[in-house]
Amino acid sequence: MASSSGTATTTSSGGSGSGSYPVQNSGSEEELQRLMDQRKRKRMVSNRESARRSRMRKQKHLDELVTQLSRLRTENNRIAGDVSVTLQRFTIMEAENSVLKAQAAELGRRLESLNQMIEFMSQPPPVDGGSGGGGCGFFAEEMYGGGGELMDELMMSNSVSCLYGNQVPILASADMIQYY
């Protein structure tokens, strides 16, 4: 709707359909197009700047993730090394524990054997000459006074075999005993 005098009239914009623009004459269409181009360029510049900022944020995030990945790999390697060392120590301790258990069992058997020897030797000889007493023909309390020297004598002599000839000797292998 244009007037014949060239005064201002309003026309609706073809692209947006949302508002009306004052137009003075046919030259104003060029101005309208220039204004729309200017807005388009501003939007394009704004979109480019926004995309650039978005790319920068993504790059920064990617760099942080790469740094974190490196840190986590280093930490993972350290933990794996610690686990390996701990496992080796556990294996060594388990072997030492097994040796100590075997030594404790052996020492328990030896103690029981020695206690049986002391009990056997402490029995008085048979009075009637029979085999009712079970001793070796001497009374340990009388012969050794209290038993302290009895153990020393038994350890130093081979007379133990006469007492327990049917017993298997107690042997310890060299690898069972470790010196520190």
Protein backbone atom coordinates (compact mmCIF):
# COMPACT_ATOMS: atom_id res chain seq x y z
CA MET A 1 0.00 0.00 0.00
CA ALA A 2 1.81 3.00 -1.18
CA SER A 3 0.45 6.52 -1.40
CA SER A 4 0.84 8.71 -4.42
CA SER A 5 2.53 11.47 -2.49
CA GLY A 6 5.46 9.28 -1.42
CA THR A 7 4.67 9.51 2.28
CA ALA A 8 5.45 6.72 4.68
CA THR A 9 3.44 3.55 4.54
CA THR A 10 3.87 0.27 6.33
CA THR A 11 4.52 -3.05 4.66
CA SER A 12 4.95 -6.39 6.22
CA SER A 13 8.33 -8.11 5.87
CA GLY A 14 8.31 -11.07 3.59
CA GLY A 15 10.75 -13.28 5.52
CA SER A 16 9.67 -12.97 9.13
CA GLY A 17 5.98 -12.16 9.04
CA SER A 18 6.27 -10.77 12.52
CA GLY A 19 6.37 -7.02 12.13
CA SER A 20 5.96 -4.07 9.82
CA TYR A 21 8.59 -1.64 8.60
CA PRO A 22 8.13 1.96 7.54
CA VAL A 23 9.00 2.44 3.90
CA GLN A 24 9.29 5.83 2.26
CA ASN A 25 9.66 4.93 -1.38
CA SER A 26 11.01 2.30 -3.73
CA GLY A 27 14.58 3.07 -2.57
CA SER A 28 13.62 1.86 0.89
CA GLU A 29 13.37 -1.71 -0.37
CA GLU A 30 17.08 -1.61 -0.99
CA GLU A 31 17.59 -0.21 2.49
CA LEU A 32 15.43 -2.98 3.91
CA GLN A 33 17.46 -5.58 2.06
CA ARG A 34 20.68 -3.95 3.32
CA LEU A 35 19.33 -4.00 6.90
CA MET A 36 18.42 -7.67 6.57
CA ASP A 37 21.85 -8.48 5.14
CA GLN A 38 23.46 -6.60 8.02
CA ARG A 39 21.45 -8.59 10.57
CA LYS A 40 22.30 -11.79 8.72
CA ARG A 41 26.02 -10.93 8.87
CA LYS A 42 25.76 -10.10 12.59
CA ARG A 43 24.05 -13.44 13.19
CA MET A 44 26.68 -15.22 11.12
CA VAL A 45 29.52 -13.52 13.05
CA SER A 46 27.79 -14.28 16.35
CA ASN A 47 27.29 -17.93 15.32
CA ARG A 48 30.93 -18.22 14.25
CA GLU A 49 32.11 -16.75 17.57
CA SER A 50 29.81 -19.10 19.47
CA ALA A 51 31.10 -22.08 17.45
CA ARG A 52 34.70 -20.97 18.10
CA ARG A 53 34.02 -20.76 21.86
CA SER A 54 32.33 -24.17 21.72
CA ARG A 55 35.35 -25.67 19.92
CA MET A 56 37.67 -24.10 22.49
CA ARG A 57 35.60 -25.56 25.36
CA LYS A 58 35.62 -28.98 23.69
CA GLN A 59 39.39 -28.78 23.13
CA LYS A 60 39.96 -27.72 26.75
CA HIS A 61 37.76 -30.58 27.96
CA LEU A 62 39.62 -33.02 25.68
CA ASP A 63 42.98 -31.78 27.01
CA GLU A 64 41.75 -32.23 30.60
CA LEU A 65 40.58 -35.76 29.78
CA VAL A 66 43.95 -36.64 28.21
CA THR A 67 45.74 -35.30 31.30
CA GLN A 68 43.40 -37.25 33.57
CA LEU A 69 43.92 -40.41 31.49
CA SER A 70 47.68 -40.06 31.84
CA ARG A 71 47.41 -39.50 35.60
CA LEU A 72 45.08 -42.49 36.02
CA ARG A 73 47.34 -44.75 33.97
CA THR A 74 50.31 -43.75 36.12
CA GLU A 75 48.31 -44.38 39.28
CA ASN A 76 47.07 -47.71 37.91
CA ASN A 77 50.65 -48.81 37.16
CA ARG A 78 51.75 -47.80 40.67
CA ILE A 79 48.87 -49.74 42.25
CA ALA A 80 49.60 -52.78 40.06
CA GLY A 81 53.23 -52.65 41.24
CA ASP A 82 52.11 -52.39 44.87
CA VAL A 83 49.79 -55.38 44.41
CA SER A 84 52.63 -57.38 42.85
CA VAL A 85 55.01 -56.57 45.73
CA THR A 86 52.30 -57.37 48.29
CA LEU A 87 51.55 -60.67 46.56
CA GLN A 88 55.25 -61.59 46.59
CA ARG A 89 55.48 -60.74 50.31
CA PHE A 90 52.33 -62.76 50.99
CA THR A 91 53.78 -65.77 49.15
CA ILE A 92 57.03 -65.50 51.14
CA MET A 93 55.13 -65.16 54.44
CA GLU A 94 52.89 -68.09 53.53
CA ALA A 95 55.97 -70.27 52.86
CA GLU A 96 57.61 -69.15 56.10
CA ASN A 97 54.38 -69.83 57.97
CA SER A 98 54.22 -73.31 56.50
CA VAL A 99 57.81 -73.99 57.60
CA LEU A 100 57.08 -72.68 61.10
CA LYS A 101 53.98 -74.88 61.35
CA ALA A 102 56.03 -77.92 60.33
CA GLN A 103 58.73 -77.00 62.86
CA ALA A 104 56.12 -76.52 65.60
CA ALA A 105 54.59 -79.93 64.83
CA GLU A 106 58.06 -81.53 64.86
CA LEU A 107 58.95 -79.86 68.15
CA GLY A 108 55.62 -80.99 69.61
CA ARG A 109 56.37 -84.58 68.62
CA ARG A 110 59.87 -84.31 70.10
CA LEU A 111 58.49 -82.91 73.34
CA GLU A 112 55.98 -85.72 73.62
CA SER A 113 58.70 -88.27 72.93
CA LEU A 114 60.94 -86.73 75.58
CA ASN A 115 58.07 -86.66 78.08
CA GLN A 116 57.44 -90.34 77.39
CA MET A 117 61.12 -91.05 77.93
CA ILE A 118 61.09 -89.18 81.24
CA GLU A 119 57.96 -91.01 82.34
CA PHE A 120 59.46 -94.36 81.33
CA MET A 121 62.73 -93.67 83.11
CA SER A 122 60.97 -92.38 86.21
CA GLN A 123 59.22 -95.68 86.81
CA PRO A 124 60.82 -97.75 89.59
CA PRO A 125 62.42 -101.06 88.62
CA PRO A 126 60.35 -104.17 89.13
CA VAL A 127 60.65 -105.52 92.65
CA ASP A 128 60.05 -109.16 91.91
CA GLY A 129 62.41 -109.33 88.93
CA GLY A 130 59.58 -109.54 86.42
CA SER A 131 58.76 -107.14 83.69
CA GLY A 132 55.92 -105.46 85.55
CA GLY A 133 57.63 -102.10 86.14
CA GLY A 134 58.69 -101.38 82.60
CA GLY A 135 61.75 -99.29 83.52
CA CYS A 136 65.34 -99.79 82.38
CA GLY A 137 66.52 -101.13 85.68
CA PHE A 138 67.18 -97.79 87.38
CA PHE A 139 65.02 -95.15 89.00
CA ALA A 140 65.65 -91.77 87.38
CA GLU A 141 64.92 -89.77 90.52
CA GLU A 142 67.46 -91.73 92.54
CA MET A 143 70.07 -91.81 89.86
CA TYR A 144 69.90 -88.21 88.67
CA GLY A 145 68.46 -86.41 91.62
CA GLY A 146 65.71 -84.38 90.02
CA GLY A 147 65.66 -85.01 86.33
CA GLY A 148 67.62 -81.93 85.17
CA GLU A 149 70.79 -83.88 84.63
CA LEU A 150 68.79 -86.73 83.15
CA MET A 151 67.96 -84.68 80.08
CA ASP A 152 71.58 -83.64 79.68
CA GLU A 153 72.70 -87.26 79.93
CA LEU A 154 70.08 -88.42 77.43
CA MET A 155 71.05 -85.77 74.94
CA MET A 156 74.76 -86.53 75.19
CA SER A 157 74.63 -90.31 75.05
CA ASN A 158 73.33 -92.92 72.71
CA SER A 159 71.56 -94.69 75.58
CA VAL A 160 68.23 -93.42 74.29
CA SER A 161 68.21 -96.18 71.72
CA CYS A 162 68.15 -98.82 74.46
CA LEU A 163 65.07 -97.17 75.92
CA TYR A 164 63.20 -96.69 72.68
CA GLY A 165 64.65 -99.13 70.21
CA ASN A 166 61.38 -99.48 68.35
CA GLN A 167 60.88 -95.71 67.89
CA VAL A 168 61.70 -94.04 64.59
CA PRO A 169 64.25 -91.26 65.09
CA ILE A 170 63.02 -87.72 64.64
CA LEU A 171 64.84 -86.01 61.82
CA ALA A 172 64.61 -82.47 60.56
CA SER A 173 65.69 -81.55 57.09
CA ALA A 174 68.15 -78.70 56.64
CA ASP A 175 65.67 -76.62 54.65
CA MET A 176 63.13 -76.71 57.51
CA ILE A 177 65.40 -74.70 59.78
CA GLN A 178 66.37 -71.22 58.66
CA TYR A 179 68.90 -69.02 60.34
CA TYR A 180 68.56 -65.26 60.40
